[in-house]
PDB file of N, CA and C in Angstrom:
ATOM      1  N   PRO A   1     -35.821  -2.873  23.297  1.00  0.00           N
ATOM      2  CA  PRO A   1     -35.152  -1.463  22.987  1.00  0.00           C
ATOM      3  C   PRO A   1     -33.787  -1.732  23.516  1.00  0.00           C
ATOM      4  N   PRO A   2     -33.272  -1.885  24.626  1.00  0.00           N
ATOM      5  CA  PRO A   2     -31.710  -1.823  24.835  1.00  0.00           C
ATOM      6  C   PRO A   2     -31.057  -3.136  24.259  1.00  0.00           C
ATOM      7  N   LEU A   3     -31.519  -4.070  23.862  1.00  0.00           N
ATOM      8  CA  LEU A   3     -30.730  -5.079  22.945  1.00  0.00           C
ATOM      9  C   LEU A   3     -30.589  -4.828  21.786  1.00  0.00           C
ATOM     10  N   SER A   4     -31.468  -3.953  21.183  1.00  0.00           N
ATOM     11  CA  SER A   4     -31.373  -3.508  19.534  1.00  0.00           C
ATOM     12  C   SER A   4     -30.249  -2.414  19.444  1.00  0.00           C
ATOM     13  N   SER A   5     -30.042  -1.652  20.680  1.00  0.00           N
ATOM     14  CA  SER A   5     -29.361  -0.627  20.707  1.00  0.00           C
ATOM     15  C   SER A   5     -27.980  -0.958  21.137  1.00  0.00           C
ATOM     16  N   ASN A   6     -28.037  -2.129  21.604  1.00  0.00           N
ATOM     17  CA  ASN A   6     -26.829  -2.870  22.318  1.00  0.00           C
ATOM     18  C   ASN A   6     -25.833  -3.326  20.869  1.00  0.00           C
ATOM     19  N   ASN A   7     -27.043  -4.025  20.077  1.00  0.00           N
ATOM     20  CA  ASN A   7     -26.677  -4.759  18.659  1.00  0.00           C
ATOM     21  C   ASN A   7     -26.276  -3.629  17.590  1.00  0.00           C
ATOM     22  N   GLU A   8     -26.740  -2.585  17.724  1.00  0.00           N
ATOM     23  CA  GLU A   8     -26.481  -1.309  16.869  1.00  0.00           C
ATOM     24  C   GLU A   8     -25.203  -1.033  17.316  1.00  0.00           C
ATOM     25  N   ASP A   9     -24.720  -0.759  18.472  1.00  0.00           N
ATOM     26  CA  ASP A   9     -23.325   0.022  18.802  1.00  0.00           C
ATOM     27  C   ASP A   9     -22.141  -0.943  18.436  1.00  0.00           C
ATOM     28  N   LYS A  10     -22.694  -2.517  18.312  1.00  0.00           N
ATOM     29  CA  LYS A  10     -21.533  -3.467  18.114  1.00  0.00           C
ATOM     30  C   LYS A  10     -21.247  -3.250  16.556  1.00  0.00           C
ATOM     31  N   LYS A  11     -22.416  -3.508  15.708  1.00  0.00           N
ATOM     32  CA  LYS A  11     -22.236  -3.349  14.374  1.00  0.00           C
ATOM     33  C   LYS A  11     -21.399  -2.064  14.238  1.00  0.00           C
ATOM     34  N   LYS A  12     -21.760  -0.723  14.793  1.00  0.00           N
ATOM     35  CA  LYS A  12     -21.062   0.529  14.418  1.00  0.00           C
ATOM     36  C   LYS A  12     -19.531   0.348  14.828  1.00  0.00           C
ATOM     37  N   ALA A  13     -19.437  -0.463  15.678  1.00  0.00           N
ATOM     38  CA  ALA A  13     -17.879  -0.869  16.116  1.00  0.00           C
ATOM     39  C   ALA A  13     -17.051  -1.635  14.845  1.00  0.00           C
ATOM     40  N   GLU A  14     -17.844  -2.777  14.643  1.00  0.00           N
ATOM     41  CA  GLU A  14     -17.293  -3.639  13.582  1.00  0.00           C
ATOM     42  C   GLU A  14     -16.998  -2.920  12.241  1.00  0.00           C
ATOM     43  N   ASP A  15     -17.819  -1.843  11.893  1.00  0.00           N
ATOM     44  CA  ASP A  15     -17.771  -1.119  10.660  1.00  0.00           C
ATOM     45  C   ASP A  15     -16.879  -0.149  10.866  1.00  0.00           C
ATOM     46  N   LYS A  16     -16.558   0.283  12.081  1.00  0.00           N
ATOM     47  CA  LYS A  16     -15.440   1.350  12.190  1.00  0.00           C
ATOM     48  C   LYS A  16     -14.132   0.449  12.133  1.00  0.00           C
ATOM     49  N   ASP A  17     -14.116  -0.425  12.606  1.00  0.00           N
ATOM     50  CA  ASP A  17     -12.818  -1.574  12.523  1.00  0.00           C
ATOM     51  C   ASP A  17     -12.316  -2.205  11.154  1.00  0.00           C
ATOM     52  N   SER A  18     -13.203  -2.436  10.183  1.00  0.00           N
ATOM     53  CA  SER A  18     -13.340  -2.857   9.146  1.00  0.00           C
ATOM     54  C   SER A  18     -13.020  -1.920   7.965  1.00  0.00           C
ATOM     55  N   ASN A  19     -13.377  -0.746   8.094  1.00  0.00           N
ATOM     56  CA  ASN A  19     -12.895   0.352   7.226  1.00  0.00           C
ATOM     57  C   ASN A  19     -12.283   1.675   7.744  1.00  0.00           C
ATOM     58  N   PRO A  20     -11.169   1.485   8.018  1.00  0.00           N
ATOM     59  CA  PRO A  20     -10.106   2.672   8.559  1.00  0.00           C
ATOM     60  C   PRO A  20     -10.301   3.660   7.643  1.00  0.00           C
ATOM     61  N   GLU A  21     -10.053   4.909   8.137  1.00  0.00           N
ATOM     62  CA  GLU A  21      -9.933   6.343   7.535  1.00  0.00           C
ATOM     63  C   GLU A  21      -8.569   5.970   6.938  1.00  0.00           C
ATOM     64  N   PRO A  22      -8.334   6.667   5.550  1.00  0.00           N
ATOM     65  CA  PRO A  22      -7.288   6.416   4.985  1.00  0.00           C
ATOM     66  C   PRO A  22      -6.107   6.976   4.832  1.00  0.00           C
ATOM     67  N   PHE A  23      -6.197   8.080   5.736  1.00  0.00           N
ATOM     68  CA  PHE A  23      -4.723   8.855   6.438  1.00  0.00           C
ATOM     69  C   PHE A  23      -5.080   9.243   7.542  1.00  0.00           C
ATOM     70  N   ALA A  24      -5.705   8.099   8.467  1.00  0.00           N
ATOM     71  CA  ALA A  24      -5.508   8.170   9.964  1.00  0.00           C
ATOM     72  C   ALA A  24      -4.328   8.171  10.772  1.00  0.00           C
ATOM     73  N   LEU A  25      -4.190   9.008  11.462  1.00  0.00           N
ATOM     74  CA  LEU A  25      -2.568   9.060  12.314  1.00  0.00           C
ATOM     75  C   LEU A  25      -2.212   7.673  12.935  1.00  0.00           C
ATOM     76  N   TRP A  26      -3.177   7.016  13.182  1.00  0.00           N
ATOM     77  CA  TRP A  26      -2.323   5.688  13.875  1.00  0.00           C
ATOM     78  C   TRP A  26      -2.284   4.682  12.910  1.00  0.00           C
ATOM     79  N   SER A  27      -2.616   4.952  11.297  1.00  0.00           N
ATOM     80  CA  SER A  27      -1.797   3.937  10.488  1.00  0.00           C
ATOM     81  C   SER A  27      -0.472   3.814  10.448  1.00  0.00           C
ATOM     82  N   PHE A  28       0.128   2.761  10.504  1.00  0.00           N
ATOM     83  CA  PHE A  28       1.318   2.290  10.191  1.00  0.00           C
ATOM     84  C   PHE A  28       2.027   2.814   8.830  1.00  0.00           C
ATOM     85  N   GLY A  29       1.032   2.816   7.549  1.00  0.00           N
ATOM     86  CA  GLY A  29       1.327   3.301   6.549  1.00  0.00           C
ATOM     87  C   GLY A  29       1.535   4.596   6.442  1.00  0.00           C
ATOM     88  N   PHE A  30       1.077   5.642   7.136  1.00  0.00           N
ATOM     89  CA  PHE A  30       1.062   6.792   7.358  1.00  0.00           C
ATOM     90  C   PHE A  30       2.456   7.147   7.549  1.00  0.00           C
ATOM     91  N   TRP A  31       2.636   6.791   9.148  1.00  0.00           N
ATOM     92  CA  TRP A  31       3.732   6.771   9.768  1.00  0.00           C
ATOM     93  C   TRP A  31       5.158   6.297   9.037  1.00  0.00           C
ATOM     94  N   LEU A  32       5.032   5.122   8.279  1.00  0.00           N
ATOM     95  CA  LEU A  32       6.356   4.550   7.548  1.00  0.00           C
ATOM     96  C   LEU A  32       6.356   5.957   6.206  1.00  0.00           C
ATOM     97  N   THR A  33       5.485   6.198   5.528  1.00  0.00           N
ATOM     98  CA  THR A  33       5.427   7.371   4.360  1.00  0.00           C
ATOM     99  C   THR A  33       6.203   8.796   4.963  1.00  0.00           C
ATOM    100  N   LEU A  34       5.799   9.166   6.293  1.00  0.00           N
ATOM    101  CA  LEU A  34       6.078  10.613   6.801  1.00  0.00           C
ATOM    102  C   LEU A  34       7.865  10.395   6.946  1.00  0.00           C
ATOM    103  N   PHE A  35       8.112   9.121   8.200  1.00  0.00           N
ATOM    104  CA  PHE A  35       9.338   8.681   8.125  1.00  0.00           C
ATOM    105  C   PHE A  35      10.613   8.644   7.047  1.00  0.00           C
ATOM    106  N   MET A  36       9.892   7.679   6.135  1.00  0.00           N
ATOM    107  CA  MET A  36      10.944   7.478   5.132  1.00  0.00           C
ATOM    108  C   MET A  36      10.643   8.784   3.888  1.00  0.00           C
ATOM    109  N   ALA A  37      10.025   9.604   4.025  1.00  0.00           N
ATOM    110  CA  ALA A  37      10.168  10.874   3.393  1.00  0.00           C
ATOM    111  C   ALA A  37      11.220  11.728   3.756  1.00  0.00           C
ATOM    112  N   VAL A  38      11.457  11.814   5.076  1.00  0.00           N
ATOM    113  CA  VAL A  38      12.381  12.760   5.738  1.00  0.00           C
ATOM    114  C   VAL A  38      13.608  12.155   6.084  1.00  0.00           C
ATOM    115  N   SER A  39      13.766  10.859   5.692  1.00  0.00           N
ATOM    116  CA  SER A  39      15.137  10.100   5.983  1.00  0.00           C
ATOM    117  C   SER A  39      16.208  10.727   5.279  1.00  0.00           C
ATOM    118  N   PRO A  40      17.359  10.440   5.786  1.00  0.00           N
ATOM    119  CA  PRO A  40      18.452  10.757   4.679  1.00  0.00           C
ATOM    120  C   PRO A  40      18.900   9.767   3.675  1.00  0.00           C
ATOM    121  N   GLY A  41      18.680   8.856   3.343  1.00  0.00           N
ATOM    122  CA  GLY A  41      18.763   7.889   2.262  1.00  0.00           C
ATOM    123  C   GLY A  41      17.707   8.347   1.259  1.00  0.00           C
ATOM    124  N   MET A  42      16.461   8.505   1.554  1.00  0.00           N
ATOM    125  CA  MET A  42      15.519   9.295   0.463  1.00  0.00           C
ATOM    126  C   MET A  42      16.106  10.870   0.065  1.00  0.00           C
ATOM    127  N   PHE A  43      16.625  11.481   0.861  1.00  0.00           N
ATOM    128  CA  PHE A  43      17.092  12.703   0.535  1.00  0.00           C
ATOM    129  C   PHE A  43      18.311  12.735  -0.355  1.00  0.00           C
ATOM    130  N   ASN A  44      18.966  11.824  -0.272  1.00  0.00           N
ATOM    131  CA  ASN A  44      19.900  11.873  -1.072  1.00  0.00           C
ATOM    132  C   ASN A  44      19.699  10.971  -2.477  1.00  0.00           C
ATOM    133  N   ALA A  45      18.852   9.825  -2.468  1.00  0.00           N
ATOM    134  CA  ALA A  45      18.128   9.085  -3.831  1.00  0.00           C
ATOM    135  C   ALA A  45      17.143  10.187  -4.259  1.00  0.00           C
ATOM    136  N   SER A  46      16.567  11.345  -3.757  1.00  0.00           N
ATOM    137  CA  SER A  46      15.984  12.058  -4.416  1.00  0.00           C
ATOM    138  C   SER A  46      16.634  12.795  -5.536  1.00  0.00           C
ATOM    139  N   THR A  47      18.085  13.318  -5.263  1.00  0.00           N
ATOM    140  CA  THR A  47      18.650  14.024  -6.156  1.00  0.00           C
ATOM    141  C   THR A  47      19.435  13.299  -7.148  1.00  0.00           C
ATOM    142  N   ALA A  48      19.067  11.633  -7.343  1.00  0.00           N
ATOM    143  CA  ALA A  48      19.559  11.151  -8.242  1.00  0.00           C
ATOM    144  C   ALA A  48      19.074  11.140  -9.520  1.00  0.00           C
ATOM    145  N   TYR A  49      19.452  10.347 -10.576  1.00  0.00           N
ATOM    146  CA  TYR A  49      19.238  10.410 -12.060  1.00  0.00           C
ATOM    147  C   TYR A  49      17.424  10.335 -12.239  1.00  0.00           C
ATOM    148  N   LEU A  50      16.861  10.630 -12.697  1.00  0.00           N
ATOM    149  CA  LEU A  50      15.266  10.505 -12.930  1.00  0.00           C
ATOM    150  C   LEU A  50      14.718   9.400 -12.782  1.00  0.00           C
ATOM    151  N   PRO A  51      15.343   7.922 -13.598  1.00  0.00           N
ATOM    152  CA  PRO A  51      14.654   6.745 -13.718  1.00  0.00           C
ATOM    153  C   PRO A  51      14.687   6.291 -11.922  1.00  0.00           C
ATOM    154  N   GLN A  52      15.676   6.528 -11.266  1.00  0.00           N
ATOM    155  CA  GLN A  52      16.022   5.980 -10.177  1.00  0.00           C
ATOM    156  C   GLN A  52      14.745   6.803  -8.967  1.00  0.00           C
ATOM    157  N   THR A  53      15.264   8.087  -9.024  1.00  0.00           N
ATOM    158  CA  THR A  53      14.071   8.760  -8.158  1.00  0.00           C
ATOM    159  C   THR A  53      12.558   8.599  -8.618  1.00  0.00           C
ATOM    160  N   PHE A  54      12.228   8.266 -10.025  1.00  0.00           N
ATOM    161  CA  PHE A  54      10.764   8.066  -9.964  1.00  0.00           C
ATOM    162  C   PHE A  54      10.513   6.598  -9.768  1.00  0.00           C
ATOM    163  N   THR A  55      11.189   5.382  -9.481  1.00  0.00           N
ATOM    164  CA  THR A  55      11.191   4.367  -9.449  1.00  0.00           C
ATOM    165  C   THR A  55      11.398   4.294  -7.690  1.00  0.00           C
ATOM    166  N   MET A  56      12.059   5.069  -6.842  1.00  0.00           N
ATOM    167  CA  MET A  56      11.817   5.077  -5.797  1.00  0.00           C
ATOM    168  C   MET A  56      10.386   5.412  -4.848  1.00  0.00           C
ATOM    169  N   LEU A  57      10.110   6.662  -5.609  1.00  0.00           N
ATOM    170  CA  LEU A  57       8.988   7.105  -5.201  1.00  0.00           C
ATOM    171  C   LEU A  57       7.795   6.211  -5.710  1.00  0.00           C
ATOM    172  N   SER A  58       7.668   5.401  -6.713  1.00  0.00           N
ATOM    173  CA  SER A  58       6.702   4.851  -6.971  1.00  0.00           C
ATOM    174  C   SER A  58       6.681   3.703  -5.927  1.00  0.00           C
ATOM    175  N   LEU A  59       7.953   3.391  -5.424  1.00  0.00           N
ATOM    176  CA  LEU A  59       7.915   1.868  -4.675  1.00  0.00           C
ATOM    177  C   LEU A  59       7.452   2.175  -3.482  1.00  0.00           C
ATOM    178  N   LEU A  60       7.923   3.725  -2.687  1.00  0.00           N
ATOM    179  CA  LEU A  60       7.349   4.019  -1.787  1.00  0.00           C
ATOM    180  C   LEU A  60       5.681   3.888  -1.610  1.00  0.00           C
ATOM    181  N   LEU A  61       5.147   4.650  -2.773  1.00  0.00           N
ATOM    182  CA  LEU A  61       3.610   4.545  -2.857  1.00  0.00           C
ATOM    183  C   LEU A  61       3.041   3.215  -2.868  1.00  0.00           C
ATOM    184  N   SER A  62       3.679   2.345  -3.609  1.00  0.00           N
ATOM    185  CA  SER A  62       3.293   0.905  -3.607  1.00  0.00           C
ATOM    186  C   SER A  62       3.167   0.275  -2.249  1.00  0.00           C
ATOM    187  N   PHE A  63       4.479   0.464  -1.315  1.00  0.00           N
ATOM    188  CA  PHE A  63       4.271  -0.158  -0.032  1.00  0.00           C
ATOM    189  C   PHE A  63       3.669   0.339   0.936  1.00  0.00           C
ATOM    190  N   ASP A  64       3.232   2.153   0.643  1.00  0.00           N
ATOM    191  CA  ASP A  64       2.188   2.577   1.808  1.00  0.00           C
ATOM    192  C   ASP A  64       0.838   1.866   1.234  1.00  0.00           C
ATOM    193  N   ALA A  65       0.639   1.732  -0.366  1.00  0.00           N
ATOM    194  CA  ALA A  65      -0.888   1.233  -0.455  1.00  0.00           C
ATOM    195  C   ALA A  65      -0.608  -0.273   0.304  1.00  0.00           C
ATOM    196  N   TRP A  66       0.064  -1.185   0.206  1.00  0.00           N
ATOM    197  CA  TRP A  66       0.344  -2.235   0.544  1.00  0.00           C
ATOM    198  C   TRP A  66      -0.042  -2.312   2.202  1.00  0.00           C
ATOM    199  N   LEU A  67       0.411  -1.403   2.875  1.00  0.00           N
ATOM    200  CA  LEU A  67       0.238  -1.638   4.022  1.00  0.00           C
ATOM    201  C   LEU A  67      -1.242  -0.891   4.507  1.00  0.00           C
ATOM    202  N   ARG A  68      -1.583  -0.194   3.816  1.00  0.00           N
ATOM    203  CA  ARG A  68      -2.959   0.600   4.059  1.00  0.00           C
ATOM    204  C   ARG A  68      -4.178  -0.672   3.540  1.00  0.00           C
ATOM    205  N   ALA A  69      -3.854  -2.145   2.986  1.00  0.00           N
ATOM    206  CA  ALA A  69      -4.656  -2.731   2.633  1.00  0.00           C
ATOM    207  C   ALA A  69      -5.139  -2.711   1.288  1.00  0.00           C
ATOM    208  N   SER A  70      -4.707  -1.755   0.433  1.00  0.00           N
ATOM    209  CA  SER A  70      -4.984  -1.212  -1.176  1.00  0.00           C
ATOM    210  C   SER A  70      -4.259  -1.937  -1.931  1.00  0.00           C
ATOM    211  N   HIS A  71      -4.833  -3.176  -2.072  1.00  0.00           N
ATOM    212  CA  HIS A  71      -3.709  -3.931  -3.012  1.00  0.00           C
ATOM    213  C   HIS A  71      -3.828  -3.630  -4.179  1.00  0.00           C
ATOM    214  N   GLY A  72      -5.170  -3.212  -4.999  1.00  0.00           N
ATOM    215  CA  GLY A  72      -5.059  -2.897  -6.192  1.00  0.00           C
ATOM    216  C   GLY A  72      -3.644  -1.497  -6.685  1.00  0.00           C
ATOM    217  N   MET A  73      -4.191  -0.627  -5.727  1.00  0.00           N
ATOM    218  CA  MET A  73      -2.876   0.577  -5.892  1.00  0.00           C
ATOM    219  C   MET A  73      -1.351  -0.126  -5.790  1.00  0.00           C
ATOM    220  N   ALA A  74      -1.486  -0.591  -4.747  1.00  0.00           N
ATOM    221  CA  ALA A  74      -0.046  -1.465  -4.516  1.00  0.00           C
ATOM    222  C   ALA A  74       0.713  -2.334  -5.720  1.00  0.00           C
ATOM    223  N   VAL A  75      -0.542  -2.932  -6.592  1.00  0.00           N
ATOM    224  CA  VAL A  75      -0.023  -3.541  -7.845  1.00  0.00           C
ATOM    225  C   VAL A  75       0.429  -2.604  -8.976  1.00  0.00           C
ATOM    226  N   PHE A  76      -0.561  -1.598  -8.950  1.00  0.00           N
ATOM    227  CA  PHE A  76      -0.657  -0.467  -9.767  1.00  0.00           C
ATOM    228  C   PHE A  76       0.760   0.168  -9.788  1.00  0.00           C
ATOM    229  N   TRP A  77       1.219   0.460  -8.890  1.00  0.00           N
ATOM    230  CA  TRP A  77       2.365   1.525  -8.297  1.00  0.00           C
ATOM    231  C   TRP A  77       3.790   0.411  -8.334  1.00  0.00           C
ATOM    232  N   MET A  78       3.655  -0.684  -8.075  1.00  0.00           N
ATOM    233  CA  MET A  78       4.631  -1.875  -8.254  1.00  0.00           C
ATOM    234  C   MET A  78       5.206  -1.743 -10.006  1.00  0.00           C
ATOM    235  N   GLY A  79       4.052  -1.933 -10.749  1.00  0.00           N
ATOM    236  CA  GLY A  79       4.090  -2.339 -12.064  1.00  0.00           C
ATOM    237  C   GLY A  79       4.684  -0.971 -12.780  1.00  0.00           C
ATOM    238  N   THR A  80       4.024   0.092 -12.201  1.00  0.00           N
ATOM    239  CA  THR A  80       4.816   1.655 -12.920  1.00  0.00           C
ATOM    240  C   THR A  80       6.117   1.724 -12.638  1.00  0.00           C
ATOM    241  N   ALA A  81       6.565   1.439 -11.370  1.00  0.00           N
ATOM    242  CA  ALA A  81       7.918   1.305 -11.009  1.00  0.00           C
ATOM    243  C   ALA A  81       8.765   0.404 -11.850  1.00  0.00           C
ATOM    244  N   ALA A  82       8.075  -0.728 -12.244  1.00  0.00           N
ATOM    245  CA  ALA A  82       9.053  -1.586 -12.972  1.00  0.00           C
ATOM    246  C   ALA A  82       8.810  -1.179 -14.520  1.00  0.00           C
ATOM    247  N   LEU A  83       7.650  -0.797 -15.258  1.00  0.00           N
ATOM    248  CA  LEU A  83       7.682  -0.496 -16.248  1.00  0.00           C
ATOM    249  C   LEU A  83       8.572   0.810 -16.928  1.00  0.00           C
ATOM    250  N   ILE A  84       7.955   1.618 -15.786  1.00  0.00           N
ATOM    251  CA  ILE A  84       8.716   2.875 -16.393  1.00  0.00           C
ATOM    252  C   ILE A  84       9.682   3.708 -15.920  1.00  0.00           C
ATOM    253  N   GLY A  85      10.017   2.938 -14.932  1.00  0.00           N
ATOM    254  CA  GLY A  85      11.292   3.270 -14.124  1.00  0.00           C
ATOM    255  C   GLY A  85      12.407   2.279 -14.246  1.00  0.00           C
ATOM    256  N   TRP A  86      12.520   1.442 -12.998  1.00  0.00           N
ATOM    257  CA  TRP A  86      13.840   0.578 -13.263  1.00  0.00           C
ATOM    258  C   TRP A  86      13.074  -0.717 -13.366  1.00  0.00           C
ATOM    259  N   PRO A  87      13.699  -1.609 -14.188  1.00  0.00           N
ATOM    260  CA  PRO A  87      12.612  -3.149 -14.242  1.00  0.00           C
ATOM    261  C   PRO A  87      13.307  -3.909 -13.393  1.00  0.00           C
ATOM    262  N   PHE A  88      14.605  -3.723 -12.577  1.00  0.00           N
ATOM    263  CA  PHE A  88      14.902  -4.827 -11.652  1.00  0.00           C
ATOM    264  C   PHE A  88      14.187  -4.279 -10.279  1.00  0.00           C
ATOM    265  N   ALA A  89      13.422  -3.142 -10.048  1.00  0.00           N
ATOM    266  CA  ALA A  89      12.528  -3.033  -9.108  1.00  0.00           C
ATOM    267  C   ALA A  89      11.443  -4.391  -8.554  1.00  0.00           C
ATOM    268  N   VAL A  90      10.729  -4.614  -9.722  1.00  0.00           N
ATOM    269  CA  VAL A  90       9.751  -5.712  -9.435  1.00  0.00           C
ATOM    270  C   VAL A  90      10.437  -7.179  -8.597  1.00  0.00           C
ATOM    271  N   LEU A  91      11.604  -6.808  -8.434  1.00  0.00           N
ATOM    272  CA  LEU A  91      11.965  -8.246  -7.616  1.00  0.00           C
ATOM    273  C   LEU A  91      11.917  -7.684  -6.075  1.00  0.00           C
ATOM    274  N   ILE A  92      11.912  -6.386  -5.781  1.00  0.00           N
ATOM    275  CA  ILE A  92      11.295  -5.900  -4.205  1.00  0.00           C
ATOM    276  C   ILE A  92       9.916  -6.106  -4.303  1.00  0.00           C
ATOM    277  N   GLY A  93       9.042  -6.192  -5.357  1.00  0.00           N
ATOM    278  CA  GLY A  93       7.686  -6.492  -5.122  1.00  0.00           C
ATOM    279  C   GLY A  93       7.509  -8.080  -4.896  1.00  0.00           C
ATOM    280  N   VAL A  94       8.399  -8.931  -4.944  1.00  0.00           N
ATOM    281  CA  VAL A  94       8.136 -10.416  -5.079  1.00  0.00           C
ATOM    282  C   VAL A  94       7.147 -10.702  -3.613  1.00  0.00           C
ATOM    283  N   PRO A  95       7.873 -10.291  -2.694  1.00  0.00           N
ATOM    284  CA  PRO A  95       7.136 -10.452  -1.316  1.00  0.00           C
ATOM    285  C   PRO A  95       5.910  -9.820  -1.089  1.00  0.00           C
ATOM    286  N   MET A  96       5.542  -8.914  -1.610  1.00  0.00           N
ATOM    287  CA  MET A  96       4.121  -8.121  -1.654  1.00  0.00           C
ATOM    288  C   MET A  96       3.336  -8.845  -2.564  1.00  0.00           C
ATOM    289  N   GLY A  97       3.799  -9.408  -3.907  1.00  0.00           N
ATOM    290  CA  GLY A  97       2.758 -10.227  -4.474  1.00  0.00           C
ATOM    291  C   GLY A  97       2.325 -11.529  -4.061  1.00  0.00           C
ATOM    292  N   LEU A  98       3.588 -12.265  -3.158  1.00  0.00           N
ATOM    293  CA  LEU A  98       2.978 -13.268  -2.614  1.00  0.00           C
ATOM    294  C   LEU A  98       2.130 -13.368  -1.618  1.00  0.00           C
ATOM    295  N   HIS A  99       2.082 -12.148  -0.883  1.00  0.00           N
ATOM    296  CA  HIS A  99       1.269 -11.756   0.234  1.00  0.00           C
ATOM    297  C   HIS A  99      -0.066 -11.456  -0.452  1.00  0.00           C
ATOM    298  N   ILE A 100      -0.179 -10.673  -1.251  1.00  0.00           N
ATOM    299  CA  ILE A 100      -1.258 -10.285  -1.832  1.00  0.00           C
ATOM    300  C   ILE A 100      -1.929 -11.666  -2.342  1.00  0.00           C
ATOM    301  N   LEU A 101      -1.472 -12.491  -3.021  1.00  0.00           N
ATOM    302  CA  LEU A 101      -1.788 -13.951  -3.718  1.00  0.00           C
ATOM    303  C   LEU A 101      -2.499 -14.894  -2.509  1.00  0.00           C
ATOM    304  N   TYR A 102      -1.793 -14.747  -1.207  1.00  0.00           N
ATOM    305  CA  TYR A 102      -2.400 -15.655  -0.014  1.00  0.00           C
ATOM    306  C   TYR A 102      -3.416 -14.468   0.497  1.00  0.00           C
ATOM    307  N   LYS A 103      -3.411 -13.493   0.710  1.00  0.00           N
ATOM    308  CA  LYS A 103      -4.570 -12.710   1.175  1.00  0.00           C
ATOM    309  C   LYS A 103      -5.801 -12.516   0.379  1.00  0.00           C
ATOM    310  N   SER A 104      -5.788 -12.327  -0.921  1.00  0.00           N
ATOM    311  CA  SER A 104      -6.792 -12.174  -1.617  1.00  0.00           C
ATOM    312  C   SER A 104      -7.168 -13.510  -2.879  1.00  0.00           C
ATOM    313  N   GLY A 105      -6.284 -14.041  -2.726  1.00  0.00           N
ATOM    314  CA  GLY A 105      -6.727 -15.199  -4.050  1.00  0.00           C
ATOM    315  C   GLY A 105      -6.157 -14.898  -5.247  1.00  0.00           C
ATOM    316  N   VAL A 106      -6.091 -16.144  -6.423  1.00  0.00           N
ATOM    317  CA  VAL A 106      -5.282 -15.944  -7.160  1.00  0.00           C
ATOM    318  C   VAL A 106      -6.076 -14.976  -8.429  1.00  0.00           C
ATOM    319  N   LEU A 107      -7.346 -15.155  -8.340  1.00  0.00           N
ATOM    320  CA  LEU A 107      -8.332 -14.546  -9.500  1.00  0.00           C
ATOM    321  C   LEU A 107      -8.166 -13.322  -9.353  1.00  0.00           C
ATOM    322  N   ARG A 108      -8.310 -12.609  -8.256  1.00  0.00           N
ATOM    323  CA  ARG A 108      -8.573 -11.052  -7.953  1.00  0.00           C
ATOM    324  C   ARG A 108      -7.424 -10.687  -8.088  1.00  0.00           C
ATOM    325  N   ALA A 109      -6.285 -11.040  -7.474  1.00  0.00           N
ATOM    326  CA  ALA A 109      -4.641 -10.404  -8.045  1.00  0.00           C
ATOM    327  C   ALA A 109      -4.637 -10.420  -9.085  1.00  0.00           C
ATOM    328  N   ALA A 110      -4.749 -11.706 -10.097  1.00  0.00           N
ATOM    329  CA  ALA A 110      -4.741 -11.366 -11.741  1.00  0.00           C
ATOM    330  C   ALA A 110      -5.547 -10.541 -11.890  1.00  0.00           C
ATOM    331  N   ARG A 111      -6.401 -10.255 -11.661  1.00  0.00           N
ATOM    332  CA  ARG A 111      -7.308  -9.257 -12.160  1.00  0.00           C
ATOM    333  C   ARG A 111      -6.741  -7.788 -11.844  1.00  0.00           C
ATOM    334  N   TRP A 112      -6.010  -7.639 -10.888  1.00  0.00           N
ATOM    335  CA  TRP A 112      -5.518  -6.243 -10.382  1.00  0.00           C
ATOM    336  C   TRP A 112      -4.289  -6.296 -11.321  1.00  0.00           C
ATOM    337  N   GLY A 113      -3.452  -7.246 -11.576  1.00  0.00           N
ATOM    338  CA  GLY A 113      -2.459  -7.062 -12.469  1.00  0.00           C
ATOM    339  C   GLY A 113      -2.680  -6.798 -13.969  1.00  0.00           C
ATOM    340  N   ILE A 114      -3.914  -7.343 -14.170  1.00  0.00           N
ATOM    341  CA  ILE A 114      -4.373  -7.125 -15.782  1.00  0.00           C
ATOM    342  C   ILE A 114      -4.537  -5.557 -16.078  1.00  0.00           C
ATOM    343  N   VAL A 115      -5.457  -5.353 -15.163  1.00  0.00           N
ATOM    344  CA  VAL A 115      -6.002  -3.751 -15.081  1.00  0.00           C
ATOM    345  C   VAL A 115      -4.473  -2.914 -14.991  1.00  0.00           C
TER     346      VAL A 115
END
């Protein structure tokens, strides 16, 4: 029994590490979103014309999802920013796309892009 409880503790610790809470206070994405939301540049850009404001917020959500390793949502928000907001915003997503291709593989990334 002591060995089994020790193994169970290790398994619980591994499960906890592999599935972080979406809005955990230790999450880098949470803090990035918080600080960017209150930064002066975001404040000035939020009063700009509608397409730029929408693109800015979509890109913020895209990078937040990317930092949380939610690649499907990152691709969705990047596509939304480029298709509805400002088409040149897709250039900002090139490094993100290359990282997603590297981490997830071509087939999985293509599936997220199609959906």
